[in-house]
Amino acid sequence: MNIYLQLKYFMKIQSSVLVPLGFGKYVRSDRVTALVPIEEERGSGRRTFVYLEGEDLPLVASRSESTIVRDIVQEPKEITQSRQQQEILRDLLSDLSQINGTVRRINRDEGGLDLDRLEQRIRQVIEDEQ
């Protein structure tokens, strides 16, 4: 079996937190022993097998294994904030790339906002974090 993660051995599990699996299914975080990505017949509503302590058959989750892991483990607030900030920067970079040259020039010349420089700086920050 291709197990994605043996949770109890590698991470600090939050105790007795309900973790959503999707479509109204929840499990206690401290009962999850392994997550296995579904490779065959994967699709909407079928993303991950969730193995529980004391159960032979896994539950089928509609959420990805990485999303479930984030909900199960204790993650320092700084890491959560950093991840959110990275997502915001990626979104901003995507939006900036849609602004045409004329609007960029007007913002720079009339408003003092150099979007090219801002875009370059965001790219540097994102690359430094990877």
C-alpha atoms as a PDB file:
ATOM      1  CA  MET A   1       0.000   0.000   0.000  1.00  0.00           C
ATOM      2  CA  ASN A   2       1.320   3.435  -0.973  1.00  0.00           C
ATOM      3  CA  ILE A   3       0.772   5.326   2.293  1.00  0.00           C
ATOM      4  CA  TYR A   4       1.127   9.094   1.977  1.00  0.00           C
ATOM      5  CA  LEU A   5       1.806   9.679   5.623  1.00  0.00           C
ATOM      6  CA  GLN A   6       1.907   7.709   8.844  1.00  0.00           C
ATOM      7  CA  LEU A   7       0.673  10.629  10.894  1.00  0.00           C
ATOM      8  CA  LYS A   8       1.128   9.486  14.467  1.00  0.00           C
ATOM      9  CA  TYR A   9       4.845   8.847  13.956  1.00  0.00           C
ATOM     10  CA  PHE A  10       5.915  12.031  12.191  1.00  0.00           C
ATOM     11  CA  MET A  11       3.772  14.924  13.373  1.00  0.00           C
ATOM     12  CA  LYS A  12       2.275  16.366  16.512  1.00  0.00           C
ATOM     13  CA  ILE A  13      -1.429  15.697  16.201  1.00  0.00           C
ATOM     14  CA  GLN A  14      -3.958  18.111  17.652  1.00  0.00           C
ATOM     15  CA  SER A  15      -5.932  16.230  20.274  1.00  0.00           C
ATOM     16  CA  SER A  16      -9.655  15.647  19.768  1.00  0.00           C
ATOM     17  CA  VAL A  17     -10.174  18.222  17.004  1.00  0.00           C
ATOM     18  CA  LEU A  18     -12.857  17.428  14.449  1.00  0.00           C
ATOM     19  CA  VAL A  19     -11.357  17.401  10.971  1.00  0.00           C
ATOM     20  CA  PRO A  20     -13.637  17.827   7.957  1.00  0.00           C
ATOM     21  CA  LEU A  21     -13.257  15.234   5.219  1.00  0.00           C
ATOM     22  CA  GLY A  22     -15.851  16.830   2.962  1.00  0.00           C
ATOM     23  CA  PHE A  23     -19.513  16.212   2.220  1.00  0.00           C
ATOM     24  CA  GLY A  24     -20.437  16.394   5.907  1.00  0.00           C
ATOM     25  CA  LYS A  25     -17.931  13.772   7.105  1.00  0.00           C
ATOM     26  CA  TYR A  26     -15.776  14.558  10.149  1.00  0.00           C
ATOM     27  CA  VAL A  27     -13.264  12.526  12.156  1.00  0.00           C
ATOM     28  CA  ARG A  28     -11.393  13.160  15.373  1.00  0.00           C
ATOM     29  CA  SER A  29      -7.847  14.197  14.541  1.00  0.00           C
ATOM     30  CA  ASP A  30      -6.224  11.841  17.026  1.00  0.00           C
ATOM     31  CA  ARG A  31      -7.923   8.793  15.439  1.00  0.00           C
ATOM     32  CA  VAL A  32      -6.374   9.279  11.980  1.00  0.00           C
ATOM     33  CA  THR A  33      -3.430   6.947  11.397  1.00  0.00           C
ATOM     34  CA  ALA A  34      -2.747   7.309   7.682  1.00  0.00           C
ATOM     35  CA  LEU A  35      -3.786   9.152   4.547  1.00  0.00           C
ATOM     36  CA  VAL A  36      -3.515   7.601   1.095  1.00  0.00           C
ATOM     37  CA  PRO A  37      -4.176   9.578  -2.086  1.00  0.00           C
ATOM     38  CA  ILE A  38      -6.700   7.826  -4.296  1.00  0.00           C
ATOM     39  CA  GLU A  39      -5.033   7.103  -7.611  1.00  0.00           C
ATOM     40  CA  GLU A  40      -7.673   5.046  -9.429  1.00  0.00           C
ATOM     41  CA  GLU A  41     -11.190   6.427  -9.842  1.00  0.00           C
ATOM     42  CA  ARG A  42     -10.077   9.692  -8.209  1.00  0.00           C
ATOM     43  CA  GLY A  43     -12.391  12.620  -8.745  1.00  0.00           C
ATOM     44  CA  SER A  44     -14.965  14.842  -7.157  1.00  0.00           C
ATOM     45  CA  GLY A  45     -15.807  13.303  -3.809  1.00  0.00           C
ATOM     46  CA  ARG A  46     -12.945  10.758  -4.027  1.00  0.00           C
ATOM     47  CA  ARG A  47      -9.545  12.276  -3.279  1.00  0.00           C
ATOM     48  CA  THR A  48      -8.100  10.517  -0.210  1.00  0.00           C
ATOM     49  CA  PHE A  49      -8.441   7.313   1.801  1.00  0.00           C
ATOM     50  CA  VAL A  50      -8.439   8.148   5.516  1.00  0.00           C
ATOM     51  CA  TYR A  51      -7.442   5.289   7.832  1.00  0.00           C
ATOM     52  CA  LEU A  52      -8.682   5.445  11.412  1.00  0.00           C
ATOM     53  CA  GLU A  53      -7.355   3.768  14.520  1.00  0.00           C
ATOM     54  CA  GLY A  54      -9.281   0.550  15.187  1.00  0.00           C
ATOM     55  CA  GLU A  55     -10.959   0.461  11.771  1.00  0.00           C
ATOM     56  CA  ASP A  56     -10.040  -1.951   8.974  1.00  0.00           C
ATOM     57  CA  LEU A  57     -11.563  -0.046   6.058  1.00  0.00           C
ATOM     58  CA  PRO A  58     -10.691   3.557   5.248  1.00  0.00           C
ATOM     59  CA  LEU A  59     -13.118   6.409   4.850  1.00  0.00           C
ATOM     60  CA  VAL A  60     -13.211   8.177   1.491  1.00  0.00           C
ATOM     61  CA  ALA A  61     -12.586  11.918   1.733  1.00  0.00           C
ATOM     62  CA  SER A  62     -13.346  14.506  -0.897  1.00  0.00           C
ATOM     63  CA  ARG A  63     -10.467  16.698   0.338  1.00  0.00           C
ATOM     64  CA  SER A  64      -6.809  16.273  -0.622  1.00  0.00           C
ATOM     65  CA  GLU A  65      -4.366  14.608   1.743  1.00  0.00           C
ATOM     66  CA  SER A  66      -2.328  17.806   2.168  1.00  0.00           C
ATOM     67  CA  THR A  67      -5.417  19.797   3.173  1.00  0.00           C
ATOM     68  CA  ILE A  68      -6.427  17.144   5.698  1.00  0.00           C
ATOM     69  CA  VAL A  69      -2.890  17.045   7.140  1.00  0.00           C
ATOM     70  CA  ARG A  70      -2.961  20.823   7.674  1.00  0.00           C
ATOM     71  CA  ASP A  71      -6.168  20.440   9.670  1.00  0.00           C
ATOM     72  CA  ILE A  72      -4.853  17.511  11.709  1.00  0.00           C
ATOM     73  CA  VAL A  73      -1.450  18.722  12.836  1.00  0.00           C
ATOM     74  CA  GLN A  74      -0.566  21.577  15.093  1.00  0.00           C
ATOM     75  CA  GLU A  75       1.057  24.234  13.018  1.00  0.00           C
ATOM     76  CA  PRO A  76       2.701  27.285  14.538  1.00  0.00           C
ATOM     77  CA  LYS A  77       0.763  30.480  13.870  1.00  0.00           C
ATOM     78  CA  GLU A  78       3.798  31.954  12.092  1.00  0.00           C
ATOM     79  CA  ILE A  79       3.808  29.143   9.525  1.00  0.00           C
ATOM     80  CA  THR A  80       0.090  29.544   8.879  1.00  0.00           C
ATOM     81  CA  GLN A  81       0.485  33.296   8.450  1.00  0.00           C
ATOM     82  CA  SER A  82       3.491  32.847   6.176  1.00  0.00           C
ATOM     83  CA  ARG A  83       1.563  30.425   3.960  1.00  0.00           C
ATOM     84  CA  GLN A  84      -1.354  32.862   3.764  1.00  0.00           C
ATOM     85  CA  GLN A  85       0.972  35.740   2.914  1.00  0.00           C
ATOM     86  CA  GLN A  86       2.594  33.683   0.160  1.00  0.00           C
ATOM     87  CA  GLU A  87      -0.840  32.918  -1.314  1.00  0.00           C
ATOM     88  CA  ILE A  88      -1.758  36.610  -1.233  1.00  0.00           C
ATOM     89  CA  LEU A  89       1.508  37.537  -2.958  1.00  0.00           C
ATOM     90  CA  ARG A  90       0.938  34.920  -5.680  1.00  0.00           C
ATOM     91  CA  ASP A  91      -2.589  36.260  -6.240  1.00  0.00           C
ATOM     92  CA  LEU A  92      -1.296  39.834  -6.390  1.00  0.00           C
ATOM     93  CA  LEU A  93       1.453  38.831  -8.811  1.00  0.00           C
ATOM     94  CA  SER A  94      -1.104  37.140 -11.031  1.00  0.00           C
ATOM     95  CA  ASP A  95      -3.284  40.262 -11.003  1.00  0.00           C
ATOM     96  CA  LEU A  96      -0.317  42.552 -11.684  1.00  0.00           C
ATOM     97  CA  SER A  97       0.651  40.522 -14.733  1.00  0.00           C
ATOM     98  CA  GLN A  98      -2.728  41.422 -16.286  1.00  0.00           C
ATOM     99  CA  ILE A  99      -2.103  45.199 -16.153  1.00  0.00           C
ATOM    100  CA  ASN A 100      -1.101  46.606 -19.533  1.00  0.00           C
ATOM    101  CA  GLY A 101       1.830  48.930 -20.203  1.00  0.00           C
ATOM    102  CA  THR A 102      -0.248  52.091 -20.590  1.00  0.00           C
ATOM    103  CA  VAL A 103      -1.888  51.702 -17.191  1.00  0.00           C
ATOM    104  CA  ARG A 104       1.490  50.857 -15.651  1.00  0.00           C
ATOM    105  CA  ARG A 105       3.017  54.023 -17.142  1.00  0.00           C
ATOM    106  CA  ILE A 106       0.137  56.207 -15.908  1.00  0.00           C
ATOM    107  CA  ASN A 107       0.396  54.743 -12.394  1.00  0.00           C
ATOM    108  CA  ARG A 108       4.138  55.333 -12.340  1.00  0.00           C
ATOM    109  CA  ASP A 109       4.151  58.826 -13.871  1.00  0.00           C
ATOM    110  CA  GLU A 110       0.970  60.264 -12.369  1.00  0.00           C
ATOM    111  CA  GLY A 111       0.581  58.311  -9.146  1.00  0.00           C
ATOM    112  CA  GLY A 112       4.151  57.411  -8.226  1.00  0.00           C
ATOM    113  CA  LEU A 113       3.322  53.696  -8.094  1.00  0.00           C
ATOM    114  CA  ASP A 114       5.830  51.652 -10.098  1.00  0.00           C
ATOM    115  CA  LEU A 115       3.975  48.400 -10.778  1.00  0.00           C
ATOM    116  CA  ASP A 116       6.969  46.900 -12.624  1.00  0.00           C
ATOM    117  CA  ARG A 117       9.162  47.387  -9.551  1.00  0.00           C
ATOM    118  CA  LEU A 118       6.416  46.022  -7.271  1.00  0.00           C
ATOM    119  CA  GLU A 119       5.986  42.966  -9.493  1.00  0.00           C
ATOM    120  CA  GLN A 120       9.757  42.353  -9.515  1.00  0.00           C
ATOM    121  CA  ARG A 121       9.961  42.660  -5.726  1.00  0.00           C
ATOM    122  CA  ILE A 122       7.091  40.212  -5.214  1.00  0.00           C
ATOM    123  CA  ARG A 123       8.810  37.699  -7.532  1.00  0.00           C
ATOM    124  CA  GLN A 124      12.006  38.001  -5.462  1.00  0.00           C
ATOM    125  CA  VAL A 125      10.145  37.412  -2.201  1.00  0.00           C
ATOM    126  CA  ILE A 126       8.314  34.393  -3.593  1.00  0.00           C
ATOM    127  CA  GLU A 127      11.532  32.888  -5.008  1.00  0.00           C
ATOM    128  CA  ASP A 128      13.376  33.419  -1.686  1.00  0.00           C
ATOM    129  CA  GLU A 129      10.659  31.456   0.151  1.00  0.00           C
ATOM    130  CA  GLN A 130      10.888  28.428  -2.146  1.00  0.00           C
END
